[in-house]
């Protein structure tokens, strides 16, 4: 059980396809063919996006994983 699973009964987030945006061309057809993305798709979208960001010369993804202690 995830820490927020109990809260999921009160709301839900769906991203609904509206227009074809070139930025999403990096996603596989298993995602782009869907008309609605749900929370089950977010990890895959995030992983793909991060892998593309990691290749960019100005990325700051190292700041996202920086440990303070």
PDB file of N, CA and C in Angstrom:
ATOM      1  N   UNK A   1       0.844  -1.186   0.000  1.00  0.00           N
ATOM      2  CA  UNK A   1       0.000   0.000   0.000  1.00  0.00           C
ATOM      3  C   UNK A   1       0.889   1.249   0.000  1.00  0.00           C
ATOM      4  N   UNK A   2       0.663   2.108  -0.973  1.00  0.00           N
ATOM      5  CA  UNK A   2       1.447   3.335  -1.046  1.00  0.00           C
ATOM      6  C   UNK A   2       0.944   4.326  -0.001  1.00  0.00           C
ATOM      7  N   UNK A   3       1.787   5.267   0.400  1.00  0.00           N
ATOM      8  CA  UNK A   3       1.377   6.227   1.431  1.00  0.00           C
ATOM      9  C   UNK A   3       0.147   7.054   1.037  1.00  0.00           C
ATOM     10  N   UNK A   4      -0.091   7.229  -0.245  1.00  0.00           N
ATOM     11  CA  UNK A   4      -1.191   8.076  -0.701  1.00  0.00           C
ATOM     12  C   UNK A   4      -2.363   7.286  -1.260  1.00  0.00           C
ATOM     13  N   UNK A   5      -2.290   5.978  -1.210  1.00  0.00           N
ATOM     14  CA  UNK A   5      -3.342   5.151  -1.796  1.00  0.00           C
ATOM     15  C   UNK A   5      -4.714   5.468  -1.203  1.00  0.00           C
ATOM     16  N   UNK A   6      -4.758   5.719   0.082  1.00  0.00           N
ATOM     17  CA  UNK A   6      -6.030   6.044   0.732  1.00  0.00           C
ATOM     18  C   UNK A   6      -6.642   7.322   0.158  1.00  0.00           C
ATOM     19  N   UNK A   7      -5.801   8.271  -0.224  1.00  0.00           N
ATOM     20  CA  UNK A   7      -6.278   9.545  -0.756  1.00  0.00           C
ATOM     21  C   UNK A   7      -6.798   9.439  -2.187  1.00  0.00           C
ATOM     22  N   UNK A   8      -6.413   8.398  -2.902  1.00  0.00           N
ATOM     23  CA  UNK A   8      -6.822   8.249  -4.299  1.00  0.00           C
ATOM     24  C   UNK A   8      -8.327   8.127  -4.460  1.00  0.00           C
ATOM     25  N   UNK A   9      -9.024   7.767  -3.408  1.00  0.00           N
ATOM     26  CA  UNK A   9     -10.475   7.656  -3.497  1.00  0.00           C
ATOM     27  C   UNK A   9     -11.143   9.026  -3.651  1.00  0.00           C
ATOM     28  N   UNK A  10     -10.410  10.109  -3.335  1.00  0.00           N
ATOM     29  CA  UNK A  10     -10.974  11.449  -3.370  1.00  0.00           C
ATOM     30  C   UNK A  10     -10.709  12.203  -4.672  1.00  0.00           C
ATOM     31  N   UNK A  11      -9.877  11.687  -5.519  1.00  0.00           N
ATOM     32  CA  UNK A  11      -9.592  12.403  -6.754  1.00  0.00           C
ATOM     33  C   UNK A  11      -8.821  11.559  -7.742  1.00  0.00           C
ATOM     34  N   UNK A  12      -8.747  12.061  -8.954  1.00  0.00           N
ATOM     35  CA  UNK A  12      -7.997  11.353  -9.985  1.00  0.00           C
ATOM     36  C   UNK A  12      -7.530  12.373 -11.014  1.00  0.00           C
ATOM     37  N   UNK A  13      -6.421  12.071 -11.656  1.00  0.00           N
ATOM     38  CA  UNK A  13      -5.867  12.936 -12.684  1.00  0.00           C
ATOM     39  C   UNK A  13      -5.766  12.148 -13.972  1.00  0.00           C
ATOM     40  N   UNK A  14      -6.304  12.723 -15.034  1.00  0.00           N
ATOM     41  CA  UNK A  14      -6.172  12.144 -16.360  1.00  0.00           C
ATOM     42  C   UNK A  14      -5.699  13.248 -17.295  1.00  0.00           C
ATOM     43  N   UNK A  15      -4.721  12.946 -18.124  1.00  0.00           N
ATOM     44  CA  UNK A  15      -4.268  13.870 -19.152  1.00  0.00           C
ATOM     45  C   UNK A  15      -4.910  13.426 -20.458  1.00  0.00           C
ATOM     46  N   UNK A  16      -5.688  14.311 -21.055  1.00  0.00           N
ATOM     47  CA  UNK A  16      -6.475  13.970 -22.234  1.00  0.00           C
ATOM     48  C   UNK A  16      -5.839  14.585 -23.475  1.00  0.00           C
ATOM     49  N   UNK A  17      -5.720  13.774 -24.502  1.00  0.00           N
ATOM     50  CA  UNK A  17      -5.113  14.186 -25.767  1.00  0.00           C
ATOM     51  C   UNK A  17      -5.948  15.295 -26.420  1.00  0.00           C
ATOM     52  N   UNK A  18      -5.281  16.378 -26.791  1.00  0.00           N
ATOM     53  CA  UNK A  18      -5.969  17.474 -27.462  1.00  0.00           C
ATOM     54  C   UNK A  18      -5.356  17.724 -28.846  1.00  0.00           C
ATOM     55  N   UNK A  19      -4.084  18.022 -28.877  1.00  0.00           N
ATOM     56  CA  UNK A  19      -3.383  18.305 -30.131  1.00  0.00           C
ATOM     57  C   UNK A  19      -2.132  17.447 -30.214  1.00  0.00           C
ATOM     58  N   UNK A  20      -1.609  17.303 -31.426  1.00  0.00           N
ATOM     59  CA  UNK A  20      -0.342  16.599 -31.594  1.00  0.00           C
ATOM     60  C   UNK A  20       0.778  17.609 -31.358  1.00  0.00           C
ATOM     61  N   UNK A  21       1.515  17.403 -30.285  1.00  0.00           N
ATOM     62  CA  UNK A  21       2.611  18.299 -29.928  1.00  0.00           C
ATOM     63  C   UNK A  21       3.921  17.593 -30.243  1.00  0.00           C
ATOM     64  N   UNK A  22       4.794  18.251 -30.972  1.00  0.00           N
ATOM     65  CA  UNK A  22       6.038  17.645 -31.433  1.00  0.00           C
ATOM     66  C   UNK A  22       6.889  17.116 -30.285  1.00  0.00           C
ATOM     67  N   UNK A  23       6.828  17.749 -29.134  1.00  0.00           N
ATOM     68  CA  UNK A  23       7.629  17.325 -27.977  1.00  0.00           C
ATOM     69  C   UNK A  23       7.333  15.891 -27.562  1.00  0.00           C
ATOM     70  N   UNK A  24       6.126  15.445 -27.841  1.00  0.00           N
ATOM     71  CA  UNK A  24       5.735  14.103 -27.433  1.00  0.00           C
ATOM     72  C   UNK A  24       6.170  13.028 -28.428  1.00  0.00           C
ATOM     73  N   UNK A  25       6.832  13.426 -29.504  1.00  0.00           N
ATOM     74  CA  UNK A  25       7.297  12.456 -30.496  1.00  0.00           C
ATOM     75  C   UNK A  25       8.328  11.484 -29.920  1.00  0.00           C
ATOM     76  N   UNK A  26       8.926  11.820 -28.790  1.00  0.00           N
ATOM     77  CA  UNK A  26       9.917  10.936 -28.165  1.00  0.00           C
ATOM     78  C   UNK A  26       9.265   9.722 -27.507  1.00  0.00           C
ATOM     79  N   UNK A  27       7.960   9.798 -27.291  1.00  0.00           N
ATOM     80  CA  UNK A  27       7.256   8.706 -26.605  1.00  0.00           C
ATOM     81  C   UNK A  27       6.949   7.567 -27.566  1.00  0.00           C
ATOM     82  N   UNK A  28       6.950   6.344 -27.069  1.00  0.00           N
ATOM     83  CA  UNK A  28       6.614   5.201 -27.919  1.00  0.00           C
ATOM     84  C   UNK A  28       5.125   5.197 -28.268  1.00  0.00           C
ATOM     85  N   UNK A  29       4.775   4.495 -29.323  1.00  0.00           N
ATOM     86  CA  UNK A  29       3.384   4.464 -29.770  1.00  0.00           C
ATOM     87  C   UNK A  29       2.441   3.882 -28.715  1.00  0.00           C
ATOM     88  N   UNK A  30       2.969   3.054 -27.811  1.00  0.00           N
ATOM     89  CA  UNK A  30       2.112   2.512 -26.753  1.00  0.00           C
ATOM     90  C   UNK A  30       1.550   3.630 -25.883  1.00  0.00           C
ATOM     91  N   UNK A  31       2.247   4.758 -25.825  1.00  0.00           N
ATOM     92  CA  UNK A  31       1.747   5.916 -25.073  1.00  0.00           C
ATOM     93  C   UNK A  31       1.046   6.927 -25.979  1.00  0.00           C
ATOM     94  N   UNK A  32       1.619   7.219 -27.145  1.00  0.00           N
ATOM     95  CA  UNK A  32       1.020   8.238 -28.016  1.00  0.00           C
ATOM     96  C   UNK A  32      -0.300   7.780 -28.628  1.00  0.00           C
ATOM     97  N   UNK A  33      -0.514   6.496 -28.720  1.00  0.00           N
ATOM     98  CA  UNK A  33      -1.774   5.990 -29.269  1.00  0.00           C
ATOM     99  C   UNK A  33      -2.934   6.094 -28.277  1.00  0.00           C
ATOM    100  N   UNK A  34      -2.622   6.323 -27.016  1.00  0.00           N
ATOM    101  CA  UNK A  34      -3.669   6.444 -26.001  1.00  0.00           C
ATOM    102  C   UNK A  34      -4.317   7.819 -26.083  1.00  0.00           C
ATOM    103  N   UNK A  35      -5.614   7.881 -25.871  1.00  0.00           N
ATOM    104  CA  UNK A  35      -6.287   9.177 -25.840  1.00  0.00           C
ATOM    105  C   UNK A  35      -6.290   9.764 -24.429  1.00  0.00           C
ATOM    106  N   UNK A  36      -6.037   8.917 -23.424  1.00  0.00           N
ATOM    107  CA  UNK A  36      -5.986   9.371 -22.034  1.00  0.00           C
ATOM    108  C   UNK A  36      -4.807   8.716 -21.347  1.00  0.00           C
ATOM    109  N   UNK A  37      -4.010   9.523 -20.641  1.00  0.00           N
ATOM    110  CA  UNK A  37      -2.938   8.996 -19.794  1.00  0.00           C
ATOM    111  C   UNK A  37      -3.402   9.071 -18.344  1.00  0.00           C
ATOM    112  N   UNK A  38      -3.154   8.019 -17.615  1.00  0.00           N
ATOM    113  CA  UNK A  38      -3.504   7.988 -16.200  1.00  0.00           C
ATOM    114  C   UNK A  38      -2.228   7.863 -15.378  1.00  0.00           C
ATOM    115  N   UNK A  39      -2.369   7.794 -14.070  1.00  0.00           N
ATOM    116  CA  UNK A  39      -1.208   7.712 -13.182  1.00  0.00           C
ATOM    117  C   UNK A  39      -0.336   6.498 -13.480  1.00  0.00           C
ATOM    118  N   UNK A  40      -0.921   5.468 -14.081  1.00  0.00           N
ATOM    119  CA  UNK A  40      -0.128   4.282 -14.405  1.00  0.00           C
ATOM    120  C   UNK A  40       0.893   4.555 -15.512  1.00  0.00           C
ATOM    121  N   UNK A  41       0.675   5.605 -16.295  1.00  0.00           N
ATOM    122  CA  UNK A  41       1.582   5.945 -17.398  1.00  0.00           C
ATOM    123  C   UNK A  41       2.669   6.944 -16.997  1.00  0.00           C
ATOM    124  N   UNK A  42       2.502   7.629 -15.872  1.00  0.00           N
ATOM    125  CA  UNK A  42       3.382   8.735 -15.523  1.00  0.00           C
ATOM    126  C   UNK A  42       4.839   8.318 -15.314  1.00  0.00           C
ATOM    127  N   UNK A  43       5.081   7.159 -14.743  1.00  0.00           N
ATOM    128  CA  UNK A  43       6.470   6.741 -14.514  1.00  0.00           C
ATOM    129  C   UNK A  43       7.196   6.531 -15.842  1.00  0.00           C
ATOM    130  N   UNK A  44       6.533   5.882 -16.795  1.00  0.00           N
ATOM    131  CA  UNK A  44       7.152   5.651 -18.103  1.00  0.00           C
ATOM    132  C   UNK A  44       7.417   6.977 -18.809  1.00  0.00           C
ATOM    133  N   UNK A  45       6.475   7.896 -18.763  1.00  0.00           N
ATOM    134  CA  UNK A  45       6.652   9.212 -19.390  1.00  0.00           C
ATOM    135  C   UNK A  45       7.817   9.950 -18.728  1.00  0.00           C
ATOM    136  N   UNK A  46       7.878   9.909 -17.416  1.00  0.00           N
ATOM    137  CA  UNK A  46       8.959  10.564 -16.689  1.00  0.00           C
ATOM    138  C   UNK A  46      10.315   9.961 -17.003  1.00  0.00           C
ATOM    139  N   UNK A  47      10.383   8.632 -17.072  1.00  0.00           N
ATOM    140  CA  UNK A  47      11.650   7.956 -17.370  1.00  0.00           C
ATOM    141  C   UNK A  47      12.159   8.327 -18.763  1.00  0.00           C
ATOM    142  N   UNK A  48      11.257   8.338 -19.730  1.00  0.00           N
ATOM    143  CA  UNK A  48      11.644   8.680 -21.106  1.00  0.00           C
ATOM    144  C   UNK A  48      12.089  10.140 -21.180  1.00  0.00           C
ATOM    145  N   UNK A  49      11.324  11.019 -20.549  1.00  0.00           N
ATOM    146  CA  UNK A  49      11.666  12.443 -20.560  1.00  0.00           C
ATOM    147  C   UNK A  49      13.018  12.703 -19.916  1.00  0.00           C
ATOM    148  N   UNK A  50      13.270  12.048 -18.790  1.00  0.00           N
ATOM    149  CA  UNK A  50      14.553  12.233 -18.102  1.00  0.00           C
ATOM    150  C   UNK A  50      15.708  11.734 -18.956  1.00  0.00           C
ATOM    151  N   UNK A  51      15.516  10.620 -19.659  1.00  0.00           N
ATOM    152  CA  UNK A  51      16.609  10.099 -20.489  1.00  0.00           C
ATOM    153  C   UNK A  51      16.958  11.070 -21.616  1.00  0.00           C
ATOM    154  N   UNK A  52      15.950  11.751 -22.153  1.00  0.00           N
ATOM    155  CA  UNK A  52      16.197  12.766 -23.179  1.00  0.00           C
ATOM    156  C   UNK A  52      16.860  13.990 -22.553  1.00  0.00           C
ATOM    157  N   UNK A  53      16.357  14.429 -21.386  1.00  0.00           N
ATOM    158  CA  UNK A  53      16.953  15.570 -20.688  1.00  0.00           C
ATOM    159  C   UNK A  53      18.412  15.322 -20.343  1.00  0.00           C
ATOM    160  N   UNK A  54      18.741  14.098 -19.936  1.00  0.00           N
ATOM    161  CA  UNK A  54      20.112  13.761 -19.562  1.00  0.00           C
ATOM    162  C   UNK A  54      21.098  13.991 -20.703  1.00  0.00           C
ATOM    163  N   UNK A  55      20.622  13.900 -21.929  1.00  0.00           N
ATOM    164  CA  UNK A  55      21.484  14.068 -23.101  1.00  0.00           C
ATOM    165  C   UNK A  55      21.711  15.534 -23.454  1.00  0.00           C
ATOM    166  N   UNK A  56      20.883  16.426 -22.918  1.00  0.00           N
ATOM    167  CA  UNK A  56      20.984  17.850 -23.240  1.00  0.00           C
ATOM    168  C   UNK A  56      22.157  18.474 -22.486  1.00  0.00           C
ATOM    169  N   UNK A  57      22.928  19.294 -23.161  1.00  0.00           N
ATOM    170  CA  UNK A  57      24.141  19.855 -22.561  1.00  0.00           C
ATOM    171  C   UNK A  57      23.858  20.771 -21.366  1.00  0.00           C
ATOM    172  N   UNK A  58      22.679  21.348 -21.287  1.00  0.00           N
ATOM    173  CA  UNK A  58      22.348  22.259 -20.185  1.00  0.00           C
ATOM    174  C   UNK A  58      21.458  21.620 -19.122  1.00  0.00           C
ATOM    175  N   UNK A  59      21.358  20.312 -19.110  1.00  0.00           N
ATOM    176  CA  UNK A  59      20.479  19.681 -18.121  1.00  0.00           C
ATOM    177  C   UNK A  59      21.018  19.895 -16.713  1.00  0.00           C
ATOM    178  N   UNK A  60      20.107  19.902 -15.769  1.00  0.00           N
ATOM    179  CA  UNK A  60      20.472  20.040 -14.359  1.00  0.00           C
ATOM    180  C   UNK A  60      19.843  18.901 -13.557  1.00  0.00           C
ATOM    181  N   UNK A  61      19.740  17.740 -14.163  1.00  0.00           N
ATOM    182  CA  UNK A  61      19.149  16.594 -13.478  1.00  0.00           C
ATOM    183  C   UNK A  61      19.961  16.147 -12.280  1.00  0.00           C
ATOM    184  N   UNK A  62      21.238  16.514 -12.243  1.00  0.00           N
ATOM    185  CA  UNK A  62      22.053  16.183 -11.074  1.00  0.00           C
ATOM    186  C   UNK A  62      21.516  16.883  -9.813  1.00  0.00           C
ATOM    187  N   UNK A  63      20.919  18.037 -10.007  1.00  0.00           N
ATOM    188  CA  UNK A  63      20.346  18.774  -8.879  1.00  0.00           C
ATOM    189  C   UNK A  63      19.102  18.075  -8.334  1.00  0.00           C
ATOM    190  N   UNK A  64      18.455  17.276  -9.146  1.00  0.00           N
ATOM    191  CA  UNK A  64      17.260  16.565  -8.707  1.00  0.00           C
ATOM    192  C   UNK A  64      17.591  15.386  -7.810  1.00  0.00           C
ATOM    193  N   UNK A  65      18.810  14.888  -7.889  1.00  0.00           N
ATOM    194  CA  UNK A  65      19.178  13.713  -7.107  1.00  0.00           C
ATOM    195  C   UNK A  65      20.219  14.031  -6.037  1.00  0.00           C
ATOM    196  N   UNK A  66      20.484  15.303  -5.833  1.00  0.00           N
ATOM    197  CA  UNK A  66      21.448  15.730  -4.856  1.00  0.00           C
ATOM    198  C   UNK A  66      20.974  15.411  -3.442  1.00  0.00           C
ATOM    199  N   UNK A  67      21.825  14.753  -2.657  1.00  0.00           N
ATOM    200  CA  UNK A  67      21.487  14.447  -1.279  1.00  0.00           C
ATOM    201  C   UNK A  67      22.031  15.546  -0.373  1.00  0.00           C
ATOM    202  N   UNK A  68      21.184  15.995   0.537  1.00  0.00           N
ATOM    203  CA  UNK A  68      21.574  17.083   1.426  1.00  0.00           C
ATOM    204  C   UNK A  68      22.361  16.614   2.623  1.00  0.00           C
ATOM    205  N   UNK A  69      22.178  15.383   3.028  1.00  0.00           N
ATOM    206  CA  UNK A  69      22.893  14.862   4.217  1.00  0.00           C
ATOM    207  C   UNK A  69      23.913  13.845   3.804  1.00  0.00           C
TER     208      UNK A  69
END
